[in-house]
Amino acid sequence: MSLARAAGAVLRPTQRASTTLVQRRAASSHAHEEHHEEHHEEYHDSNVYEPEAPISRFQVFNTPFWRRAVIAGVGIVAFYKFAPEPTNDTALAKYISSTMTAPEVWRDASFKHLVLSAKGSEETLLMADAKPPVVHRYRFPQRLEQYSPHAQPVGISLKVDDVVVKRD
């Protein structure tokens, strides 16, 4: 034990004892168990709680909303069960066919689009594959003018009459 702790215990014994007792009581569960059961019967909740929220119309199934939903479902099922056959003589089919564009118009427009797309792709390929013409550059183009038609072996005849040397 250090000298400072010993001096503290000698000078303030009462304060040290009460601190230890408080710490022991806060950490102990045995000190309060016998009183806990006696006060349990006398305990009353003093909190004030808000009333419960009213039940919405979607939480109860006997409301007019659910009644209408069931009637609509039964009506849809009955309509599909007893509806006329899907032929061209029904009123709905006649209305839809009168408001639709003729198939020939769509076929012609699709063919025109196909032709224009093919032409556009050909032009795109032409531009992508385009290369400038090959140019042969000679280091000494004046040698073409120095050509002599004489002193050539037999069988080799080179005509350079139409060759024009470009000067840059």
N, C-alpha and C. Protein backbone atom coordinates (compact mmCIF):
# COMPACT_ATOMS: atom_id res chain seq x y z
N MET A 1 0.84 -1.16 0.00
CA MET A 1 0.00 0.00 0.00
C MET A 1 0.89 1.23 0.00
N SER A 2 0.54 2.18 -0.80
CA SER A 2 1.39 3.37 -0.90
C SER A 2 1.13 4.30 0.28
N LEU A 3 2.03 5.20 0.49
CA LEU A 3 1.95 6.13 1.60
C LEU A 3 0.76 7.07 1.46
N ALA A 4 0.46 7.49 0.23
CA ALA A 4 -0.65 8.42 0.00
C ALA A 4 -1.99 7.75 0.28
N ARG A 5 -2.12 6.49 -0.10
CA ARG A 5 -3.37 5.79 0.16
C ARG A 5 -3.56 5.53 1.66
N ALA A 6 -2.48 5.24 2.32
CA ALA A 6 -2.56 5.01 3.78
C ALA A 6 -2.94 6.29 4.49
N ALA A 7 -2.39 7.40 4.07
CA ALA A 7 -2.72 8.68 4.70
C ALA A 7 -4.17 9.04 4.43
N GLY A 8 -4.66 8.73 3.25
CA GLY A 8 -6.06 9.02 2.93
C GLY A 8 -7.00 8.19 3.76
N ALA A 9 -6.65 6.96 4.03
CA ALA A 9 -7.50 6.09 4.83
C ALA A 9 -7.51 6.55 6.29
N VAL A 10 -6.42 7.08 6.77
CA VAL A 10 -6.34 7.52 8.16
C VAL A 10 -7.07 8.84 8.34
N LEU A 11 -6.90 9.77 7.40
CA LEU A 11 -7.47 11.10 7.56
C LEU A 11 -8.97 11.12 7.32
N ARG A 12 -9.48 10.35 6.38
CA ARG A 12 -10.91 10.40 6.06
C ARG A 12 -11.54 9.01 6.12
N PRO A 13 -11.65 8.43 7.23
CA PRO A 13 -12.21 7.08 7.29
C PRO A 13 -13.71 7.05 7.07
N THR A 14 -14.46 8.05 7.50
CA THR A 14 -15.92 8.01 7.38
C THR A 14 -16.36 8.19 5.93
N GLN A 15 -15.73 9.08 5.22
CA GLN A 15 -16.11 9.32 3.83
C GLN A 15 -15.78 8.10 2.97
N ARG A 16 -14.67 7.47 3.27
CA ARG A 16 -14.27 6.29 2.50
C ARG A 16 -15.26 5.14 2.73
N ALA A 17 -15.72 4.98 3.94
CA ALA A 17 -16.65 3.90 4.25
C ALA A 17 -17.99 4.11 3.56
N SER A 18 -18.49 5.35 3.52
CA SER A 18 -19.78 5.59 2.88
C SER A 18 -19.70 5.40 1.37
N THR A 19 -18.57 5.74 0.76
CA THR A 19 -18.41 5.54 -0.68
C THR A 19 -18.40 4.07 -1.01
N THR A 20 -17.75 3.29 -0.17
CA THR A 20 -17.68 1.86 -0.41
C THR A 20 -19.05 1.24 -0.26
N LEU A 21 -19.83 1.70 0.71
CA LEU A 21 -21.16 1.16 0.92
C LEU A 21 -22.07 1.47 -0.27
N VAL A 22 -21.99 2.69 -0.81
CA VAL A 22 -22.82 3.07 -1.96
C VAL A 22 -22.44 2.24 -3.18
N GLN A 23 -21.15 2.07 -3.37
CA GLN A 23 -20.71 1.27 -4.52
C GLN A 23 -21.15 -0.18 -4.36
N ARG A 24 -21.10 -0.70 -3.15
CA ARG A 24 -21.47 -2.08 -2.93
C ARG A 24 -22.97 -2.25 -3.12
N ARG A 25 -23.76 -1.31 -2.67
CA ARG A 25 -25.21 -1.42 -2.82
C ARG A 25 -25.63 -1.30 -4.29
N ALA A 26 -24.96 -0.42 -5.04
CA ALA A 26 -25.32 -0.26 -6.45
C ALA A 26 -24.97 -1.52 -7.23
N ALA A 27 -23.90 -2.18 -6.83
CA ALA A 27 -23.48 -3.36 -7.56
C ALA A 27 -24.18 -4.61 -7.07
N SER A 28 -24.76 -4.58 -5.89
CA SER A 28 -25.35 -5.78 -5.31
C SER A 28 -26.82 -5.86 -5.69
N SER A 29 -27.26 -7.07 -5.96
CA SER A 29 -28.68 -7.26 -6.23
C SER A 29 -29.39 -7.88 -5.02
N HIS A 30 -28.63 -8.32 -4.01
CA HIS A 30 -29.22 -8.97 -2.83
C HIS A 30 -29.79 -7.96 -1.85
N ALA A 31 -29.31 -6.76 -1.87
CA ALA A 31 -29.75 -5.79 -0.88
C ALA A 31 -31.19 -5.36 -1.12
N HIS A 32 -31.67 -5.48 -2.34
CA HIS A 32 -32.98 -4.95 -2.66
C HIS A 32 -34.00 -6.01 -3.00
N GLU A 33 -33.65 -7.24 -3.04
CA GLU A 33 -34.58 -8.27 -3.48
C GLU A 33 -35.76 -8.45 -2.53
N GLU A 34 -35.54 -8.41 -1.25
CA GLU A 34 -36.64 -8.65 -0.32
C GLU A 34 -37.65 -7.51 -0.34
N HIS A 35 -37.21 -6.29 -0.63
CA HIS A 35 -38.15 -5.17 -0.70
C HIS A 35 -38.83 -5.10 -2.06
N HIS A 36 -38.22 -5.67 -3.04
CA HIS A 36 -38.75 -5.57 -4.40
C HIS A 36 -40.10 -6.26 -4.53
N GLU A 37 -40.26 -7.41 -3.89
CA GLU A 37 -41.52 -8.13 -4.00
C GLU A 37 -42.63 -7.43 -3.24
N GLU A 38 -42.31 -6.77 -2.16
CA GLU A 38 -43.34 -6.08 -1.39
C GLU A 38 -43.87 -4.87 -2.15
N HIS A 39 -42.98 -4.17 -2.89
CA HIS A 39 -43.41 -2.97 -3.60
C HIS A 39 -44.04 -3.30 -4.95
N HIS A 40 -43.90 -4.50 -5.37
CA HIS A 40 -44.42 -4.86 -6.68
C HIS A 40 -45.94 -4.76 -6.73
N GLU A 41 -46.61 -5.13 -5.63
CA GLU A 41 -48.06 -5.07 -5.59
C GLU A 41 -48.54 -3.63 -5.50
N GLU A 42 -47.77 -2.77 -4.92
CA GLU A 42 -48.19 -1.39 -4.74
C GLU A 42 -47.82 -0.51 -5.93
N TYR A 43 -47.09 -1.03 -6.90
CA TYR A 43 -46.62 -0.21 -8.02
C TYR A 43 -47.76 0.13 -8.96
N HIS A 44 -47.85 1.42 -9.28
CA HIS A 44 -48.86 1.88 -10.22
C HIS A 44 -48.17 2.68 -11.30
N ASP A 45 -48.59 2.46 -12.53
CA ASP A 45 -47.99 3.18 -13.67
C ASP A 45 -48.56 4.58 -13.71
N SER A 46 -47.69 5.57 -13.57
CA SER A 46 -48.14 6.96 -13.54
C SER A 46 -47.99 7.63 -14.90
N ASN A 47 -47.54 6.91 -15.91
CA ASN A 47 -47.40 7.50 -17.25
C ASN A 47 -48.75 7.69 -17.89
N VAL A 48 -48.87 8.73 -18.69
CA VAL A 48 -50.10 9.00 -19.42
C VAL A 48 -49.83 8.64 -20.88
N TYR A 49 -50.62 7.72 -21.40
CA TYR A 49 -50.42 7.26 -22.77
C TYR A 49 -51.48 7.88 -23.67
N GLU A 50 -51.09 8.10 -24.94
CA GLU A 50 -52.04 8.63 -25.92
C GLU A 50 -53.00 7.53 -26.33
N PRO A 51 -54.20 7.88 -26.71
CA PRO A 51 -55.14 6.84 -27.16
C PRO A 51 -54.66 6.21 -28.47
N GLU A 52 -55.10 5.02 -28.72
CA GLU A 52 -54.68 4.31 -29.94
C GLU A 52 -55.21 5.02 -31.17
N ALA A 53 -54.43 4.89 -32.26
CA ALA A 53 -54.84 5.51 -33.52
C ALA A 53 -56.07 4.79 -34.03
N PRO A 54 -56.96 5.52 -34.69
CA PRO A 54 -58.16 4.85 -35.23
C PRO A 54 -57.77 3.88 -36.33
N ILE A 55 -58.55 2.86 -36.49
CA ILE A 55 -58.29 1.84 -37.50
C ILE A 55 -58.63 2.40 -38.86
N SER A 56 -57.70 2.26 -39.82
CA SER A 56 -57.97 2.79 -41.15
C SER A 56 -58.92 1.87 -41.89
N ARG A 57 -59.45 2.35 -42.99
CA ARG A 57 -60.44 1.58 -43.73
C ARG A 57 -59.83 0.39 -44.45
N PHE A 58 -58.50 0.35 -44.58
CA PHE A 58 -57.86 -0.78 -45.26
C PHE A 58 -57.53 -1.91 -44.30
N GLN A 59 -57.67 -1.67 -42.99
CA GLN A 59 -57.32 -2.69 -42.02
C GLN A 59 -58.49 -3.62 -41.70
N VAL A 60 -59.69 -3.21 -41.99
CA VAL A 60 -60.86 -4.02 -41.71
C VAL A 60 -61.45 -4.46 -43.04
N PHE A 61 -61.83 -5.73 -43.16
CA PHE A 61 -62.25 -6.25 -44.45
C PHE A 61 -63.75 -6.15 -44.70
N ASN A 62 -64.51 -5.58 -43.78
CA ASN A 62 -65.94 -5.45 -44.03
C ASN A 62 -66.31 -3.99 -44.35
N THR A 63 -65.38 -3.26 -44.91
CA THR A 63 -65.64 -1.87 -45.28
C THR A 63 -66.10 -1.81 -46.74
N PRO A 64 -66.68 -0.69 -47.16
CA PRO A 64 -67.13 -0.57 -48.55
C PRO A 64 -65.99 -0.71 -49.57
N PHE A 65 -64.78 -0.33 -49.21
CA PHE A 65 -63.66 -0.46 -50.14
C PHE A 65 -63.44 -1.91 -50.54
N TRP A 66 -63.38 -2.80 -49.55
CA TRP A 66 -63.12 -4.21 -49.84
C TRP A 66 -64.32 -4.86 -50.51
N ARG A 67 -65.51 -4.41 -50.15
CA ARG A 67 -66.70 -4.93 -50.81
C ARG A 67 -66.67 -4.60 -52.30
N ARG A 68 -66.31 -3.35 -52.64
CA ARG A 68 -66.21 -2.95 -54.05
C ARG A 68 -65.08 -3.70 -54.76
N ALA A 69 -63.98 -3.95 -54.06
CA ALA A 69 -62.86 -4.67 -54.67
C ALA A 69 -63.27 -6.10 -55.01
N VAL A 70 -64.02 -6.76 -54.13
CA VAL A 70 -64.46 -8.13 -54.39
C VAL A 70 -65.47 -8.15 -55.53
N ILE A 71 -66.38 -7.19 -55.56
CA ILE A 71 -67.37 -7.13 -56.64
C ILE A 71 -66.69 -6.88 -57.97
N ALA A 72 -65.68 -5.99 -58.00
CA ALA A 72 -64.95 -5.73 -59.24
C ALA A 72 -64.19 -6.97 -59.69
N GLY A 73 -63.59 -7.69 -58.78
CA GLY A 73 -62.88 -8.92 -59.15
C GLY A 73 -63.81 -9.96 -59.74
N VAL A 74 -64.97 -10.15 -59.11
CA VAL A 74 -65.95 -11.11 -59.62
C VAL A 74 -66.45 -10.67 -60.99
N GLY A 75 -66.64 -9.37 -61.17
CA GLY A 75 -67.09 -8.85 -62.47
C GLY A 75 -66.06 -9.08 -63.56
N ILE A 76 -64.80 -8.90 -63.27
CA ILE A 76 -63.74 -9.12 -64.26
C ILE A 76 -63.66 -10.59 -64.64
N VAL A 77 -63.74 -11.47 -63.66
CA VAL A 77 -63.70 -12.90 -63.94
C VAL A 77 -64.92 -13.30 -64.79
N ALA A 78 -66.10 -12.78 -64.46
CA ALA A 78 -67.31 -13.10 -65.23
C ALA A 78 -67.21 -12.56 -66.65
N PHE A 79 -66.63 -11.39 -66.82
CA PHE A 79 -66.47 -10.82 -68.16
C PHE A 79 -65.58 -11.70 -69.03
N TYR A 80 -64.46 -12.14 -68.48
CA TYR A 80 -63.56 -13.00 -69.26
C TYR A 80 -64.16 -14.38 -69.53
N LYS A 81 -64.98 -14.85 -68.59
CA LYS A 81 -65.56 -16.18 -68.78
C LYS A 81 -66.67 -16.15 -69.82
N PHE A 82 -67.50 -15.11 -69.80
CA PHE A 82 -68.67 -15.06 -70.68
C PHE A 82 -68.50 -14.09 -71.83
N ALA A 83 -67.34 -13.56 -72.07
CA ALA A 83 -67.10 -12.64 -73.18
C ALA A 83 -67.19 -13.40 -74.50
N PRO A 84 -67.52 -12.69 -75.60
CA PRO A 84 -67.62 -13.39 -76.88
C PRO A 84 -66.25 -13.86 -77.37
N GLU A 85 -66.26 -14.78 -78.34
CA GLU A 85 -65.02 -15.31 -78.89
C GLU A 85 -64.22 -14.19 -79.55
N PRO A 86 -62.90 -14.30 -79.56
CA PRO A 86 -62.08 -13.25 -80.17
C PRO A 86 -62.09 -13.36 -81.70
N THR A 87 -63.15 -12.91 -82.31
CA THR A 87 -63.25 -12.89 -83.77
C THR A 87 -63.32 -11.46 -84.24
N ASN A 88 -63.41 -11.27 -85.54
CA ASN A 88 -63.41 -9.91 -86.10
C ASN A 88 -64.79 -9.25 -86.08
N ASP A 89 -65.83 -9.95 -85.70
CA ASP A 89 -67.16 -9.37 -85.75
C ASP A 89 -67.61 -8.71 -84.43
N THR A 90 -66.75 -8.67 -83.42
CA THR A 90 -67.13 -8.00 -82.19
C THR A 90 -66.97 -6.50 -82.34
N ALA A 91 -67.67 -5.76 -81.52
CA ALA A 91 -67.64 -4.29 -81.61
C ALA A 91 -66.27 -3.74 -81.25
N LEU A 92 -65.66 -4.31 -80.24
CA LEU A 92 -64.34 -3.84 -79.82
C LEU A 92 -63.30 -4.10 -80.90
N ALA A 93 -63.35 -5.26 -81.54
CA ALA A 93 -62.40 -5.58 -82.61
C ALA A 93 -62.62 -4.67 -83.81
N LYS A 94 -63.87 -4.36 -84.14
CA LYS A 94 -64.16 -3.45 -85.26
C LYS A 94 -63.64 -2.05 -84.97
N TYR A 95 -63.80 -1.59 -83.73
CA TYR A 95 -63.29 -0.25 -83.37
C TYR A 95 -61.77 -0.20 -83.46
N ILE A 96 -61.12 -1.22 -82.95
CA ILE A 96 -59.65 -1.24 -82.98
C ILE A 96 -59.15 -1.30 -84.42
N SER A 97 -59.77 -2.12 -85.26
CA SER A 97 -59.33 -2.23 -86.65
C SER A 97 -59.60 -0.95 -87.43
N SER A 98 -60.63 -0.20 -87.06
CA SER A 98 -60.90 1.05 -87.78
C SER A 98 -59.93 2.16 -87.38
N THR A 99 -59.39 2.10 -86.17
CA THR A 99 -58.45 3.14 -85.75
C THR A 99 -57.00 2.80 -86.04
N MET A 100 -56.72 1.54 -86.41
CA MET A 100 -55.34 1.14 -86.69
C MET A 100 -54.92 1.55 -88.09
N THR A 101 -53.62 1.71 -88.27
CA THR A 101 -53.06 1.98 -89.58
C THR A 101 -52.99 0.66 -90.34
N ALA A 102 -53.19 0.74 -91.65
CA ALA A 102 -53.21 -0.46 -92.48
C ALA A 102 -51.83 -1.14 -92.47
N PRO A 103 -51.78 -2.47 -92.53
CA PRO A 103 -50.49 -3.17 -92.50
C PRO A 103 -49.61 -2.85 -93.70
N GLU A 104 -50.20 -2.53 -94.86
CA GLU A 104 -49.41 -2.21 -96.04
C GLU A 104 -48.58 -0.95 -95.82
N VAL A 105 -49.13 0.01 -95.11
CA VAL A 105 -48.40 1.25 -94.84
C VAL A 105 -47.17 0.95 -93.99
N TRP A 106 -47.33 0.11 -92.97
CA TRP A 106 -46.20 -0.24 -92.12
C TRP A 106 -45.16 -1.08 -92.87
N ARG A 107 -45.64 -1.96 -93.76
CA ARG A 107 -44.72 -2.77 -94.54
C ARG A 107 -43.88 -1.89 -95.48
N ASP A 108 -44.53 -0.93 -96.15
CA ASP A 108 -43.79 -0.02 -97.04
C ASP A 108 -42.80 0.84 -96.27
N ALA A 109 -43.21 1.34 -95.13
CA ALA A 109 -42.31 2.18 -94.32
C ALA A 109 -41.13 1.35 -93.82
N SER A 110 -41.37 0.10 -93.43
CA SER A 110 -40.27 -0.76 -92.96
C SER A 110 -39.30 -1.07 -94.09
N PHE A 111 -39.83 -1.33 -95.32
CA PHE A 111 -38.94 -1.62 -96.44
C PHE A 111 -38.11 -0.40 -96.81
N LYS A 112 -38.74 0.77 -96.79
CA LYS A 112 -37.99 2.00 -97.09
C LYS A 112 -36.90 2.23 -96.05
N HIS A 113 -37.21 1.99 -94.80
CA HIS A 113 -36.21 2.13 -93.74
C HIS A 113 -35.07 1.13 -93.94
N LEU A 114 -35.40 -0.09 -94.35
CA LEU A 114 -34.37 -1.10 -94.60
C LEU A 114 -33.44 -0.67 -95.73
N VAL A 115 -34.00 -0.16 -96.82
CA VAL A 115 -33.18 0.28 -97.95
C VAL A 115 -32.28 1.43 -97.54
N LEU A 116 -32.83 2.41 -96.82
CA LEU A 116 -32.02 3.56 -96.41
C LEU A 116 -30.95 3.16 -95.40
N SER A 117 -31.24 2.21 -94.54
CA SER A 117 -30.24 1.73 -93.58
C SER A 117 -29.11 1.01 -94.28
N ALA A 118 -29.45 0.19 -95.30
CA ALA A 118 -28.41 -0.52 -96.05
C ALA A 118 -27.52 0.47 -96.81
N LYS A 119 -28.14 1.49 -97.40
CA LYS A 119 -27.36 2.51 -98.13
C LYS A 119 -26.45 3.27 -97.17
N GLY A 120 -26.97 3.61 -96.00
CA GLY A 120 -26.17 4.33 -95.01
C GLY A 120 -25.02 3.48 -94.50
N SER A 121 -25.24 2.18 -94.32
CA SER A 121 -24.16 1.32 -93.85
C SER A 121 -23.09 1.14 -94.92
N GLU A 122 -23.51 1.08 -96.20
CA GLU A 122 -22.52 1.01 -97.28
C GLU A 122 -21.66 2.27 -97.32
N GLU A 123 -22.29 3.42 -97.15
CA GLU A 123 -21.53 4.67 -97.16
C GLU A 123 -20.59 4.74 -95.96
N THR A 124 -21.05 4.25 -94.83
CA THR A 124 -20.20 4.26 -93.64
C THR A 124 -18.99 3.35 -93.84
N LEU A 125 -19.22 2.17 -94.41
CA LEU A 125 -18.09 1.27 -94.69
C LEU A 125 -17.15 1.86 -95.72
N LEU A 126 -17.69 2.53 -96.73
CA LEU A 126 -16.84 3.16 -97.74
C LEU A 126 -15.95 4.22 -97.11
N MET A 127 -16.52 5.03 -96.25
CA MET A 127 -15.71 6.08 -95.60
C MET A 127 -14.72 5.49 -94.60
N ALA A 128 -15.10 4.40 -93.95
CA ALA A 128 -14.20 3.80 -92.95
C ALA A 128 -13.02 3.09 -93.62
N ASP A 129 -13.27 2.50 -94.78
CA ASP A 129 -12.21 1.77 -95.47
C ASP A 129 -11.44 2.63 -96.47
N ALA A 130 -11.79 3.88 -96.61
CA ALA A 130 -11.14 4.74 -97.61
C ALA A 130 -9.69 5.00 -97.24
N LYS A 131 -8.84 4.93 -98.26
CA LYS A 131 -7.41 5.21 -98.08
C LYS A 131 -6.97 6.14 -99.19
N PRO A 132 -6.03 6.98 -98.91
CA PRO A 132 -5.53 7.84 -99.99
C PRO A 132 -4.77 7.00 -101.02
N PRO A 133 -4.70 7.47 -102.26
CA PRO A 133 -3.98 6.69 -103.27
C PRO A 133 -2.50 6.58 -102.93
N VAL A 134 -1.92 5.48 -103.33
CA VAL A 134 -0.52 5.24 -103.05
C VAL A 134 0.33 6.13 -103.95
N VAL A 135 1.25 6.82 -103.37
CA VAL A 135 2.14 7.71 -104.12
C VAL A 135 3.56 7.16 -103.98
N HIS A 136 4.20 6.92 -105.12
CA HIS A 136 5.58 6.46 -105.10
C HIS A 136 6.48 7.67 -105.15
N ARG A 137 7.25 7.86 -104.16
CA ARG A 137 8.19 8.97 -104.11
C ARG A 137 9.58 8.44 -104.41
N TYR A 138 10.20 9.06 -105.35
CA TYR A 138 11.58 8.69 -105.68
C TYR A 138 12.51 9.69 -105.06
N ARG A 139 13.66 9.19 -104.70
CA ARG A 139 14.62 10.08 -104.07
C ARG A 139 15.26 11.01 -105.11
N PHE A 140 15.49 10.47 -106.24
CA PHE A 140 16.08 11.28 -107.31
C PHE A 140 15.19 11.18 -108.54
N PRO A 141 14.12 11.97 -108.64
CA PRO A 141 13.23 11.86 -109.79
C PRO A 141 13.89 12.30 -111.11
N GLN A 142 14.99 13.02 -111.09
CA GLN A 142 15.65 13.46 -112.31
C GLN A 142 16.28 12.29 -113.06
N ARG A 143 16.41 11.15 -112.45
CA ARG A 143 16.99 9.99 -113.11
C ARG A 143 16.08 9.48 -114.22
N LEU A 144 14.76 9.74 -114.06
CA LEU A 144 13.85 9.34 -115.13
C LEU A 144 14.14 10.11 -116.42
N GLU A 145 14.60 11.33 -116.31
CA GLU A 145 14.91 12.13 -117.49
C GLU A 145 16.27 11.77 -118.07
N GLN A 146 17.09 11.12 -117.30
CA GLN A 146 18.41 10.76 -117.77
C GLN A 146 18.42 9.40 -118.47
N TYR A 147 17.30 8.85 -118.68
CA TYR A 147 17.21 7.54 -119.30
C TYR A 147 17.67 7.61 -120.75
N SER A 148 18.45 6.68 -121.13
CA SER A 148 18.93 6.62 -122.51
C SER A 148 18.30 5.41 -123.19
N PRO A 149 17.70 5.57 -124.35
CA PRO A 149 17.12 4.44 -125.05
C PRO A 149 18.17 3.52 -125.66
N HIS A 150 19.39 3.96 -125.69
CA HIS A 150 20.47 3.17 -126.27
C HIS A 150 21.14 2.35 -125.17
N ALA A 151 21.86 1.39 -125.51
CA ALA A 151 22.63 0.51 -124.64
C ALA A 151 21.75 -0.28 -123.68
N GLN A 152 20.63 -0.73 -124.18
CA GLN A 152 19.73 -1.60 -123.42
C GLN A 152 19.84 -3.01 -123.96
N PRO A 153 19.81 -4.02 -123.13
CA PRO A 153 19.85 -5.39 -123.63
C PRO A 153 18.58 -5.71 -124.42
N VAL A 154 18.62 -6.74 -125.22
CA VAL A 154 17.51 -7.11 -126.07
C VAL A 154 16.37 -7.64 -125.20
N GLY A 155 15.15 -7.24 -125.54
CA GLY A 155 13.97 -7.70 -124.82
C GLY A 155 13.50 -6.74 -123.75
N ILE A 156 14.28 -5.82 -123.37
CA ILE A 156 13.87 -4.85 -122.37
C ILE A 156 13.65 -3.54 -123.08
N SER A 157 12.41 -3.17 -123.21
CA SER A 157 12.12 -1.87 -123.81
C SER A 157 11.22 -1.12 -122.84
N LEU A 158 11.69 -0.10 -122.31
CA LEU A 158 10.98 0.69 -121.31
C LEU A 158 10.63 2.02 -121.93
N LYS A 159 9.36 2.32 -121.99
CA LYS A 159 8.91 3.58 -122.56
C LYS A 159 8.53 4.51 -121.42
N VAL A 160 9.17 5.60 -121.36
CA VAL A 160 8.90 6.59 -120.32
C VAL A 160 8.45 7.90 -120.93
N ASP A 161 7.84 7.83 -122.11
CA ASP A 161 7.40 9.05 -122.79
C ASP A 161 6.25 9.73 -122.04
N ASP A 162 5.35 8.95 -121.44
CA ASP A 162 4.17 9.52 -120.79
C ASP A 162 4.39 9.80 -119.29
N VAL A 163 5.57 9.54 -118.77
CA VAL A 163 5.85 9.79 -117.37
C VAL A 163 6.20 11.25 -117.19
N VAL A 164 5.49 11.92 -116.26
CA VAL A 164 5.76 13.34 -116.00
C VAL A 164 6.22 13.44 -114.53
N VAL A 165 7.29 14.11 -114.33
CA VAL A 165 7.82 14.28 -113.00
C VAL A 165 7.18 15.52 -112.38
N LYS A 166 6.59 15.31 -111.21
CA LYS A 166 5.98 16.44 -110.49
C LYS A 166 7.02 17.07 -109.59
N ARG A 167 6.99 18.34 -109.58
CA ARG A 167 7.89 19.09 -108.71
C ARG A 167 7.04 19.65 -107.55
N ASP A 168 7.42 19.38 -106.33
CA ASP A 168 6.67 19.88 -105.19
C ASP A 168 7.06 21.28 -104.82
